[in-house]
Amino acid sequence: WQYKEAQKNLLRTHTTAVSARMLYKAAQQPKFKPI
């Protein structure tokens, strides 16, 4: 796995990238709540 490849900027190909950010944010809460 290459860090350089993960760094590349792009025009998003799907809004699932936003979903990943929101799920990661929900996982950081002290207690998980369904969303």
Full PDB file with SEQRES, HELIX, SHEET, SSBOND, CRYST1, ORIGX, SCALE, CONECT and MASTER records, all heavy atoms in Angstrom:
SEQRES   1 A   35  TRP GLN TYR LYS GLU ALA GLN LYS ASN LEU LEU ARG THR          
SEQRES   2 A   35  HIS THR THR ALA VAL SER ALA ARG MET LEU TYR LYS ALA          
SEQRES   3 A   35  ALA GLN GLN PRO LYS PHE LYS PRO ILE                          
HELIX    1 AA1 TYR A    3  GLN A    7  1                                   5    
HELIX    2 AA2 THR A   16  ALA A   27  1                                  12    
CRYST1    1.000    1.000    1.000  90.00  90.00  90.00 P 1           1          
ORIGX1      1.000000  0.000000  0.000000        0.00000                         
ORIGX2      0.000000  1.000000  0.000000        0.00000                         
ORIGX3      0.000000  0.000000  1.000000        0.00000                         
SCALE1      1.000000  0.000000  0.000000        0.00000                         
SCALE2      0.000000  1.000000  0.000000        0.00000                         
SCALE3      0.000000  0.000000  1.000000        0.00000                         
ATOM      1  N   TRP A   1       0.840  -1.200   0.000  1.00  0.00           N  
ATOM      2  CA  TRP A   1       0.000   0.000   0.000  1.00  0.00           C  
ATOM      3  C   TRP A   1       0.873   1.247   0.000  1.00  0.00           C  
ATOM      4  O   TRP A   1       1.807   1.373   0.791  1.00  0.00           O  
ATOM      5  CB  TRP A   1      -0.886  -0.026   1.243  1.00  0.00           C  
ATOM      6  CG  TRP A   1      -1.920   1.062   1.296  1.00  0.00           C  
ATOM      7  CD1 TRP A   1      -3.151   1.040   0.757  1.00  0.00           C  
ATOM      8  CD2 TRP A   1      -1.785   2.330   1.957  1.00  0.00           C  
ATOM      9  NE1 TRP A   1      -3.828   2.198   1.031  1.00  0.00           N  
ATOM     10  CE2 TRP A   1      -2.997   3.026   1.769  1.00  0.00           C  
ATOM     11  CE3 TRP A   1      -0.756   2.939   2.687  1.00  0.00           C  
ATOM     12  CZ2 TRP A   1      -3.216   4.295   2.281  1.00  0.00           C  
ATOM     13  CZ3 TRP A   1      -0.986   4.209   3.183  1.00  0.00           C  
ATOM     14  CH2 TRP A   1      -2.188   4.883   2.986  1.00  0.00           C  
ATOM     15  N   GLN A   2       0.597   2.177  -0.922  1.00  0.00           N  
ATOM     16  CA  GLN A   2       1.430   3.372  -1.103  1.00  0.00           C  
ATOM     17  C   GLN A   2       0.721   4.613  -0.544  1.00  0.00           C  
ATOM     18  O   GLN A   2      -0.403   4.940  -0.935  1.00  0.00           O  
ATOM     19  CB  GLN A   2       1.739   3.592  -2.593  1.00  0.00           C  
ATOM     20  CG  GLN A   2       2.526   2.463  -3.238  1.00  0.00           C  
ATOM     21  CD  GLN A   2       3.933   2.380  -2.685  1.00  0.00           C  
ATOM     22  OE1 GLN A   2       4.591   3.390  -2.441  1.00  0.00           O  
ATOM     23  NE2 GLN A   2       4.392   1.149  -2.476  1.00  0.00           N  
ATOM     24  N   TYR A   3       1.413   5.290   0.372  1.00  0.00           N  
ATOM     25  CA  TYR A   3       0.891   6.530   0.955  1.00  0.00           C  
ATOM     26  C   TYR A   3       0.699   7.605  -0.116  1.00  0.00           C  
ATOM     27  O   TYR A   3      -0.275   8.357  -0.112  1.00  0.00           O  
ATOM     28  CB  TYR A   3       1.855   7.013   2.045  1.00  0.00           C  
ATOM     29  CG  TYR A   3       1.468   8.320   2.687  1.00  0.00           C  
ATOM     30  CD1 TYR A   3       0.328   8.411   3.501  1.00  0.00           C  
ATOM     31  CD2 TYR A   3       2.240   9.478   2.493  1.00  0.00           C  
ATOM     32  CE1 TYR A   3      -0.024   9.612   4.100  1.00  0.00           C  
ATOM     33  CE2 TYR A   3       1.886  10.672   3.082  1.00  0.00           C  
ATOM     34  CZ  TYR A   3       0.755  10.740   3.887  1.00  0.00           C  
ATOM     35  OH  TYR A   3       0.399  11.935   4.468  1.00  0.00           O  
ATOM     36  N   LYS A   4       1.638   7.677  -1.074  1.00  0.00           N  
ATOM     37  CA  LYS A   4       1.595   8.682  -2.146  1.00  0.00           C  
ATOM     38  C   LYS A   4       0.313   8.542  -2.972  1.00  0.00           C  
ATOM     39  O   LYS A   4      -0.279   9.522  -3.412  1.00  0.00           O  
ATOM     40  CB  LYS A   4       2.815   8.521  -3.047  1.00  0.00           C  
ATOM     41  CG  LYS A   4       3.062   9.693  -3.980  1.00  0.00           C  
ATOM     42  CD  LYS A   4       4.121  10.607  -3.404  1.00  0.00           C  
ATOM     43  CE  LYS A   4       4.507  11.690  -4.382  1.00  0.00           C  
ATOM     44  NZ  LYS A   4       5.383  12.686  -3.775  1.00  0.00           N  
ATOM     45  N   GLU A   5      -0.113   7.287  -3.202  1.00  0.00           N  
ATOM     46  CA  GLU A   5      -1.322   7.031  -3.996  1.00  0.00           C  
ATOM     47  C   GLU A   5      -2.561   7.532  -3.250  1.00  0.00           C  
ATOM     48  O   GLU A   5      -3.486   8.067  -3.861  1.00  0.00           O  
ATOM     49  CB  GLU A   5      -1.445   5.526  -4.277  1.00  0.00           C  
ATOM     50  CG  GLU A   5      -2.490   5.158  -5.308  1.00  0.00           C  
ATOM     51  CD  GLU A   5      -2.145   5.616  -6.719  1.00  0.00           C  
ATOM     52  OE1 GLU A   5      -0.937   5.695  -7.053  1.00  0.00           O  
ATOM     53  OE2 GLU A   5      -3.084   5.926  -7.474  1.00  0.00           O  
ATOM     54  N   ALA A   6      -2.550   7.359  -1.930  1.00  0.00           N  
ATOM     55  CA  ALA A   6      -3.697   7.805  -1.124  1.00  0.00           C  
ATOM     56  C   ALA A   6      -3.779   9.326  -1.043  1.00  0.00           C  
ATOM     57  O   ALA A   6      -4.854   9.883  -0.787  1.00  0.00           O  
ATOM     58  CB  ALA A   6      -3.596   7.210   0.275  1.00  0.00           C  
ATOM     59  N   GLN A   7      -2.664   9.999  -1.260  1.00  0.00           N  
ATOM     60  CA  GLN A   7      -2.626  11.464  -1.161  1.00  0.00           C  
ATOM     61  C   GLN A   7      -3.229  12.176  -2.370  1.00  0.00           C  
ATOM     62  O   GLN A   7      -3.551  13.362  -2.294  1.00  0.00           O  
ATOM     63  CB  GLN A   7      -1.174  11.933  -1.011  1.00  0.00           C  
ATOM     64  CG  GLN A   7      -0.553  11.673   0.342  1.00  0.00           C  
ATOM     65  CD  GLN A   7       0.858  12.250   0.370  1.00  0.00           C  
ATOM     66  OE1 GLN A   7       1.779  11.697  -0.243  1.00  0.00           O  
ATOM     67  NE2 GLN A   7       1.022  13.359   1.085  1.00  0.00           N  
ATOM     68  N   LYS A   8      -3.359  11.499  -3.500  1.00  0.00           N  
ATOM     69  CA  LYS A   8      -3.769  12.154  -4.759  1.00  0.00           C  
ATOM     70  C   LYS A   8      -5.150  12.803  -4.623  1.00  0.00           C  
ATOM     71  O   LYS A   8      -6.105  12.168  -4.167  1.00  0.00           O  
ATOM     72  CB  LYS A   8      -3.796  11.136  -5.896  1.00  0.00           C  
ATOM     73  CG  LYS A   8      -2.421  10.681  -6.351  1.00  0.00           C  
ATOM     74  CD  LYS A   8      -2.543   9.721  -7.525  1.00  0.00           C  
ATOM     75  CE  LYS A   8      -1.168   9.259  -8.021  1.00  0.00           C  
ATOM     76  NZ  LYS A   8      -1.288   8.282  -9.131  1.00  0.00           N  
ATOM     77  N   ASN A   9      -5.216  14.044  -5.066  1.00  0.00           N  
ATOM     78  CA  ASN A   9      -6.495  14.764  -5.064  1.00  0.00           C  
ATOM     79  C   ASN A   9      -7.264  14.491  -6.354  1.00  0.00           C  
ATOM     80  O   ASN A   9      -6.670  14.306  -7.420  1.00  0.00           O  
ATOM     81  CB  ASN A   9      -6.266  16.267  -4.917  1.00  0.00           C  
ATOM     82  CG  ASN A   9      -5.793  16.639  -3.525  1.00  0.00           C  
ATOM     83  OD1 ASN A   9      -6.195  16.007  -2.543  1.00  0.00           O  
ATOM     84  ND2 ASN A   9      -4.934  17.653  -3.430  1.00  0.00           N  
ATOM     85  N   LEU A  10      -8.598  14.529  -6.256  1.00  0.00           N  
ATOM     86  CA  LEU A  10      -9.443  14.224  -7.420  1.00  0.00           C  
ATOM     87  C   LEU A  10     -10.808  14.877  -7.248  1.00  0.00           C  
ATOM     88  O   LEU A  10     -11.165  15.343  -6.153  1.00  0.00           O  
ATOM     89  CB  LEU A  10      -9.592  12.701  -7.573  1.00  0.00           C  
ATOM     90  CG  LEU A  10      -9.929  11.872  -6.319  1.00  0.00           C  
ATOM     91  CD1 LEU A  10     -11.415  11.921  -5.992  1.00  0.00           C  
ATOM     92  CD2 LEU A  10      -9.479  10.436  -6.493  1.00  0.00           C  
ATOM     93  N   LEU A  11     -11.559  14.934  -8.350  1.00  0.00           N  
ATOM     94  CA  LEU A  11     -12.976  15.304  -8.265  1.00  0.00           C  
ATOM     95  C   LEU A  11     -13.715  14.055  -7.801  1.00  0.00           C  
ATOM     96  O   LEU A  11     -13.605  13.007  -8.444  1.00  0.00           O  
ATOM     97  CB  LEU A  11     -13.506  15.756  -9.627  1.00  0.00           C  
ATOM     98  CG  LEU A  11     -13.005  17.100 -10.149  1.00  0.00           C  
ATOM     99  CD1 LEU A  11     -13.557  17.356 -11.548  1.00  0.00           C  
ATOM    100  CD2 LEU A  11     -13.406  18.235  -9.219  1.00  0.00           C  
ATOM    101  N   ARG A  12     -14.441  14.153  -6.708  1.00  0.00           N  
ATOM    102  CA  ARG A  12     -15.006  12.946  -6.104  1.00  0.00           C  
ATOM    103  C   ARG A  12     -15.847  12.165  -7.114  1.00  0.00           C  
ATOM    104  O   ARG A  12     -16.633  12.740  -7.878  1.00  0.00           O  
ATOM    105  CB  ARG A  12     -15.846  13.305  -4.883  1.00  0.00           C  
ATOM    106  CG  ARG A  12     -17.096  14.103  -5.200  1.00  0.00           C  
ATOM    107  CD  ARG A  12     -17.834  14.484  -3.942  1.00  0.00           C  
ATOM    108  NE  ARG A  12     -19.028  15.263  -4.271  1.00  0.00           N  
ATOM    109  CZ  ARG A  12     -19.593  16.133  -3.468  1.00  0.00           C  
ATOM    110  NH1 ARG A  12     -19.080  16.376  -2.284  1.00  0.00           N  
ATOM    111  NH2 ARG A  12     -20.675  16.776  -3.825  1.00  0.00           N  
ATOM    112  N   THR A  13     -15.663  10.853  -7.084  1.00  0.00           N  
ATOM    113  CA  THR A  13     -16.396   9.990  -8.013  1.00  0.00           C  
ATOM    114  C   THR A  13     -17.710   9.511  -7.422  1.00  0.00           C  
ATOM    115  O   THR A  13     -18.544   8.953  -8.132  1.00  0.00           O  
ATOM    116  CB  THR A  13     -15.542   8.764  -8.417  1.00  0.00           C  
ATOM    117  OG1 THR A  13     -15.249   8.002  -7.242  1.00  0.00           O  
ATOM    118  CG2 THR A  13     -14.244   9.206  -9.068  1.00  0.00           C  
ATOM    119  N   HIS A  14     -17.896   9.688  -6.129  1.00  0.00           N  
ATOM    120  CA  HIS A  14     -19.157   9.353  -5.452  1.00  0.00           C  
ATOM    121  C   HIS A  14     -19.206  10.093  -4.113  1.00  0.00           C  
ATOM    122  O   HIS A  14     -18.173  10.478  -3.560  1.00  0.00           O  
ATOM    123  CB  HIS A  14     -19.304   7.839  -5.235  1.00  0.00           C  
ATOM    124  CG  HIS A  14     -18.071   7.176  -4.686  1.00  0.00           C  
ATOM    125  ND1 HIS A  14     -17.830   5.832  -4.806  1.00  0.00           N  
ATOM    126  CD2 HIS A  14     -16.990   7.672  -4.024  1.00  0.00           C  
ATOM    127  CE1 HIS A  14     -16.660   5.528  -4.238  1.00  0.00           C  
ATOM    128  NE2 HIS A  14     -16.152   6.629  -3.765  1.00  0.00           N  
ATOM    129  N   THR A  15     -20.418  10.280  -3.619  1.00  0.00           N  
ATOM    130  CA  THR A  15     -20.570  10.934  -2.310  1.00  0.00           C  
ATOM    131  C   THR A  15     -20.364   9.938  -1.173  1.00  0.00           C  
ATOM    132  O   THR A  15     -20.486  10.312   0.007  1.00  0.00           O  
ATOM    133  CB  THR A  15     -21.956  11.597  -2.193  1.00  0.00           C  
ATOM    134  OG1 THR A  15     -22.961  10.648  -2.563  1.00  0.00           O  
ATOM    135  CG2 THR A  15     -22.060  12.820  -3.082  1.00  0.00           C  
ATOM    136  N   THR A  16     -20.022   8.682  -1.496  1.00  0.00           N  
ATOM    137  CA  THR A  16     -19.710   7.692  -0.460  1.00  0.00           C  
ATOM    138  C   THR A  16     -18.474   8.109   0.327  1.00  0.00           C  
ATOM    139  O   THR A  16     -18.287   7.695   1.473  1.00  0.00           O  
ATOM    140  CB  THR A  16     -19.507   6.301  -1.092  1.00  0.00           C  
ATOM    141  OG1 THR A  16     -20.546   6.075  -2.056  1.00  0.00           O  
ATOM    142  CG2 THR A  16     -19.560   5.200  -0.053  1.00  0.00           C  
ATOM    143  N   ALA A  17     -17.627   8.937  -0.294  1.00  0.00           N  
ATOM    144  CA  ALA A  17     -16.482   9.483   0.434  1.00  0.00           C  
ATOM    145  C   ALA A  17     -16.957  10.301   1.640  1.00  0.00           C  
ATOM    146  O   ALA A  17     -16.355  10.262   2.727  1.00  0.00           O  
ATOM    147  CB  ALA A  17     -15.639  10.350  -0.489  1.00  0.00           C  
ATOM    148  N   VAL A  18     -18.073  11.040   1.472  1.00  0.00           N  
ATOM    149  CA  VAL A  18     -18.640  11.809   2.578  1.00  0.00           C  
ATOM    150  C   VAL A  18     -19.212  10.858   3.628  1.00  0.00           C  
ATOM    151  O   VAL A  18     -19.079  11.069   4.834  1.00  0.00           O  
ATOM    152  CB  VAL A  18     -19.725  12.779   2.066  1.00  0.00           C  
ATOM    153  CG1 VAL A  18     -20.290  13.614   3.212  1.00  0.00           C  
ATOM    154  CG2 VAL A  18     -19.173  13.676   0.970  1.00  0.00           C  
ATOM    155  N   SER A  19     -19.858   9.778   3.150  1.00  0.00           N  
ATOM    156  CA  SER A  19     -20.407   8.780   4.080  1.00  0.00           C  
ATOM    157  C   SER A  19     -19.297   8.181   4.941  1.00  0.00           C  
ATOM    158  O   SER A  19     -19.475   7.953   6.149  1.00  0.00           O  
ATOM    159  CB  SER A  19     -21.127   7.675   3.309  1.00  0.00           C  
ATOM    160  OG  SER A  19     -22.172   8.198   2.527  1.00  0.00           O  
ATOM    161  N   ALA A  20     -18.124   7.910   4.329  1.00  0.00           N  
ATOM    162  CA  ALA A  20     -16.993   7.351   5.077  1.00  0.00           C  
ATOM    163  C   ALA A  20     -16.548   8.315   6.173  1.00  0.00           C  
ATOM    164  O   ALA A  20     -16.279   7.905   7.319  1.00  0.00           O  
ATOM    165  CB  ALA A  20     -15.842   7.050   4.123  1.00  0.00           C  
ATOM    166  N   ARG A  21     -16.488   9.609   5.840  1.00  0.00           N  
ATOM    167  CA  ARG A  21     -16.096  10.614   6.843  1.00  0.00           C  
ATOM    168  C   ARG A  21     -17.093  10.637   8.002  1.00  0.00           C  
ATOM    169  O   ARG A  21     -16.712  10.730   9.174  1.00  0.00           O  
ATOM    170  CB  ARG A  21     -16.023  12.000   6.196  1.00  0.00           C  
ATOM    171  CG  ARG A  21     -14.844  12.223   5.270  1.00  0.00           C  
ATOM    172  CD  ARG A  21     -14.909  13.639   4.695  1.00  0.00           C  
ATOM    173  NE  ARG A  21     -13.836  13.902   3.743  1.00  0.00           N  
ATOM    174  CZ  ARG A  21     -12.647  14.386   4.077  1.00  0.00           C  
ATOM    175  NH1 ARG A  21     -12.369  14.642   5.344  1.00  0.00           N  
ATOM    176  NH2 ARG A  21     -11.736  14.626   3.142  1.00  0.00           N  
ATOM    177  N   MET A  22     -18.407  10.590   7.680  1.00  0.00           N  
ATOM    178  CA  MET A  22     -19.445  10.667   8.710  1.00  0.00           C  
ATOM    179  C   MET A  22     -19.450   9.422   9.594  1.00  0.00           C  
ATOM    180  O   MET A  22     -19.662   9.502  10.806  1.00  0.00           O  
ATOM    181  CB  MET A  22     -20.814  10.857   8.044  1.00  0.00           C  
ATOM    182  CG  MET A  22     -20.952  12.156   7.259  1.00  0.00           C  
ATOM    183  SD  MET A  22     -20.678  13.653   8.248  1.00  0.00           S  
ATOM    184  CE  MET A  22     -22.110  13.600   9.307  1.00  0.00           C  
ATOM    185  N   LEU A  23     -19.196   8.234   8.978  1.00  0.00           N  
ATOM    186  CA  LEU A  23     -19.145   7.001   9.765  1.00  0.00           C  
ATOM    187  C   LEU A  23     -17.926   7.007  10.699  1.00  0.00           C  
ATOM    188  O   LEU A  23     -18.004   6.561  11.854  1.00  0.00           O  
ATOM    189  CB  LEU A  23     -19.113   5.790   8.835  1.00  0.00           C  
ATOM    190  CG  LEU A  23     -20.423   5.486   8.085  1.00  0.00           C  
ATOM    191  CD1 LEU A  23     -20.199   4.414   7.032  1.00  0.00           C  
ATOM    192  CD2 LEU A  23     -21.517   5.047   9.063  1.00  0.00           C  
ATOM    193  N   TYR A  24     -16.791   7.511  10.186  1.00  0.00           N  
ATOM    194  CA  TYR A  24     -15.594   7.612  11.022  1.00  0.00           C  
ATOM    195  C   TYR A  24     -15.852   8.551  12.202  1.00  0.00           C  
ATOM    196  O   TYR A  24     -15.468   8.273  13.350  1.00  0.00           O  
ATOM    197  CB  TYR A  24     -14.418   8.111  10.192  1.00  0.00           C  
ATOM    198  CG  TYR A  24     -13.185   8.403  11.016  1.00  0.00           C  
ATOM    199  CD1 TYR A  24     -12.399   7.365  11.529  1.00  0.00           C  
ATOM    200  CD2 TYR A  24     -12.813   9.715  11.308  1.00  0.00           C  
ATOM    201  CE1 TYR A  24     -11.282   7.630  12.312  1.00  0.00           C  
ATOM    202  CE2 TYR A  24     -11.702   9.998  12.067  1.00  0.00           C  
ATOM    203  CZ  TYR A  24     -10.931   8.944  12.573  1.00  0.00           C  
ATOM    204  OH  TYR A  24      -9.835   9.206  13.346  1.00  0.00           O  
ATOM    205  N   LYS A  25     -16.567   9.667  11.923  1.00  0.00           N  
ATOM    206  CA  LYS A  25     -16.889  10.632  12.982  1.00  0.00           C  
ATOM    207  C   LYS A  25     -17.799   9.982  14.032  1.00  0.00           C  
ATOM    208  O   LYS A  25     -17.625  10.176  15.246  1.00  0.00           O  
ATOM    209  CB  LYS A  25     -17.571  11.858  12.360  1.00  0.00           C  
ATOM    210  CG  LYS A  25     -17.905  12.953  13.358  1.00  0.00           C  
ATOM    211  CD  LYS A  25     -18.555  14.141  12.630  1.00  0.00           C  
ATOM    212  CE  LYS A  25     -18.940  15.230  13.624  1.00  0.00           C  
ATOM    213  NZ  LYS A  25     -19.601  16.370  12.942  1.00  0.00           N  
ATOM    214  N   ALA A  26     -18.787   9.165  13.560  1.00  0.00           N  
ATOM    215  CA  ALA A  26     -19.702   8.489  14.494  1.00  0.00           C  
ATOM    216  C   ALA A  26     -18.962   7.469  15.346  1.00  0.00           C  
ATOM    217  O   ALA A  26     -19.297   7.257  16.522  1.00  0.00           O  
ATOM    218  CB  ALA A  26     -20.825   7.809  13.713  1.00  0.00           C  
ATOM    219  N   ALA A  27     -17.915   6.831  14.754  1.00  0.00           N  
ATOM    220  CA  ALA A  27     -17.153   5.817  15.492  1.00  0.00           C  
ATOM    221  C   ALA A  27     -16.302   6.419  16.599  1.00  0.00           C  
ATOM    222  O   ALA A  27     -15.877   5.702  17.512  1.00  0.00           O  
ATOM    223  CB  ALA A  27     -16.279   5.034  14.515  1.00  0.00           C  
ATOM    224  N   GLN A  28     -16.039   7.726  16.526  1.00  0.00           N  
ATOM    225  CA  GLN A  28     -15.191   8.367  17.533  1.00  0.00           C  
ATOM    226  C   GLN A  28     -15.981   8.798  18.770  1.00  0.00           C  
ATOM    227  O   GLN A  28     -15.396   9.255  19.755  1.00  0.00           O  
ATOM    228  CB  GLN A  28     -14.478   9.598  16.930  1.00  0.00           C  
ATOM    229  CG  GLN A  28     -13.732   9.341  15.628  1.00  0.00           C  
ATOM    230  CD  GLN A  28     -12.914   8.062  15.634  1.00  0.00           C  
ATOM    231  OE1 GLN A  28     -12.025   7.877  16.481  1.00  0.00           O  
ATOM    232  NE2 GLN A  28     -13.205   7.178  14.694  1.00  0.00           N  
ATOM    233  N   GLN A  29     -17.313   8.648  18.714  1.00  0.00           N  
ATOM    234  CA  GLN A  29     -18.125   9.027  19.867  1.00  0.00           C  
ATOM    235  C   GLN A  29     -17.943   8.010  20.993  1.00  0.00           C  
ATOM    236  O   GLN A  29     -17.706   6.821  20.752  1.00  0.00           O  
ATOM    237  CB  GLN A  29     -19.602   9.098  19.460  1.00  0.00           C  
ATOM    238  CG  GLN A  29     -19.901  10.070  18.330  1.00  0.00           C  
ATOM    239  CD  GLN A  29     -19.446  11.476  18.621  1.00  0.00           C  
ATOM    240  OE1 GLN A  29     -19.685  12.007  19.726  1.00  0.00           O  
ATOM    241  NE2 GLN A  29     -18.756  12.091  17.663  1.00  0.00           N  
ATOM    242  N   PRO A  30     -18.066   8.451  22.265  1.00  0.00           N  
ATOM    243  CA  PRO A  30     -17.889   7.524  23.403  1.00  0.00           C  
ATOM    244  C   PRO A  30     -18.813   6.315  23.322  1.00  0.00           C  
ATOM    245  O   PRO A  30     -18.423   5.198  23.650  1.00  0.00           O  
ATOM    246  CB  PRO A  30     -18.211   8.392  24.621  1.00  0.00           C  
ATOM    247  CG  PRO A  30     -17.988   9.796  24.155  1.00  0.00           C  
ATOM    248  CD  PRO A  30     -18.329   9.833  22.714  1.00  0.00           C  
ATOM    249  N   LYS A  31     -20.059   6.526  22.911  1.00  0.00           N  
ATOM    250  CA  LYS A  31     -21.003   5.424  22.762  1.00  0.00           C  
ATOM    251  C   LYS A  31     -21.682   5.549  21.410  1.00  0.00           C  
ATOM    252  O   LYS A  31     -22.201   6.621  21.064  1.00  0.00           O  
ATOM    253  CB  LYS A  31     -22.033   5.443  23.884  1.00  0.00           C  
ATOM    254  CG  LYS A  31     -22.980   4.239  23.842  1.00  0.00           C  
ATOM    255  CD  LYS A  31     -23.967   4.262  24.997  1.00  0.00           C  
ATOM    256  CE  LYS A  31     -24.906   3.055  24.909  1.00  0.00           C  
ATOM    257  NZ  LYS A  31     -25.908   3.053  26.003  1.00  0.00           N  
ATOM    258  N   PHE A  32     -21.676   4.463  20.650  1.00  0.00           N  
ATOM    259  CA  PHE A  32     -22.271   4.512  19.301  1.00  0.00           C  
ATOM    260  C   PHE A  32     -23.787   4.664  19.375  1.00  0.00           C  
ATOM    261  O   PHE A  32     -24.458   3.987  20.151  1.00  0.00           O  
ATOM    262  CB  PHE A  32     -21.924   3.232  18.513  1.00  0.00           C  
ATOM    263  CG  PHE A  32     -22.655   3.138  17.197  1.00  0.00           C  
ATOM    264  CD1 PHE A  32     -22.240   3.880  16.105  1.00  0.00           C  
ATOM    265  CD2 PHE A  32     -23.789   2.339  17.073  1.00  0.00           C  
ATOM    266  CE1 PHE A  32     -22.924   3.815  14.900  1.00  0.00           C  
ATOM    267  CE2 PHE A  32     -24.470   2.262  15.872  1.00  0.00           C  
ATOM    268  CZ  PHE A  32     -24.038   3.004  14.778  1.00  0.00           C  
ATOM    269  N   LYS A  33     -24.322   5.569  18.540  1.00  0.00           N  
ATOM    270  CA  LYS A  33     -25.764   5.740  18.404  1.00  0.00           C  
ATOM    271  C   LYS A  33     -26.145   5.485  16.947  1.00  0.00           C  
ATOM    272  O   LYS A  33     -25.480   5.989  16.034  1.00  0.00           O  
ATOM    273  CB  LYS A  33     -26.171   7.166  18.790  1.00  0.00           C  
ATOM    274  CG  LYS A  33     -25.981   7.488  20.258  1.00  0.00           C  
ATOM    275  CD  LYS A  33     -26.424   8.917  20.542  1.00  0.00           C  
ATOM    276  CE  LYS A  33     -26.210   9.266  22.021  1.00  0.00           C  
ATOM    277  NZ  LYS A  33     -26.614  10.668  22.314  1.00  0.00           N  
ATOM    278  N   PRO A  34     -27.202   4.704  16.693  1.00  0.00           N  
ATOM    279  CA  PRO A  34     -27.631   4.449  15.303  1.00  0.00           C  
ATOM    280  C   PRO A  34     -27.885   5.761  14.569  1.00  0.00           C  
ATOM    281  O   PRO A  34     -28.416   6.716  15.135  1.00  0.00           O  
ATOM    282  CB  PRO A  34     -28.920   3.639  15.467  1.00  0.00           C  
ATOM    283  CG  PRO A  34     -28.783   2.981  16.808  1.00  0.00           C  
ATOM    284  CD  PRO A  34     -28.039   3.972  17.666  1.00  0.00           C  
ATOM    285  N   ILE A  35     -27.530   5.770  13.305  1.00  0.00           N  
ATOM    286  CA  ILE A  35     -27.690   6.989  12.494  1.00  0.00           C  
ATOM    287  C   ILE A  35     -28.300   6.644  11.135  1.00  0.00           C  
ATOM    288  O   ILE A  35     -28.115   5.547  10.605  1.00  0.00           O  
ATOM    289  CB  ILE A  35     -26.349   7.723  12.288  1.00  0.00           C  
ATOM    290  CG1 ILE A  35     -25.281   6.782  11.694  1.00  0.00           C  
ATOM    291  CG2 ILE A  35     -25.876   8.366  13.558  1.00  0.00           C  
ATOM    292  CD1 ILE A  35     -23.988   7.477  11.332  1.00  0.00           C  
TER     293      ILE A  35                                                      
MASTER        0    0    0    2    0    0    0    6  292    1    0    3          
END                                                                             
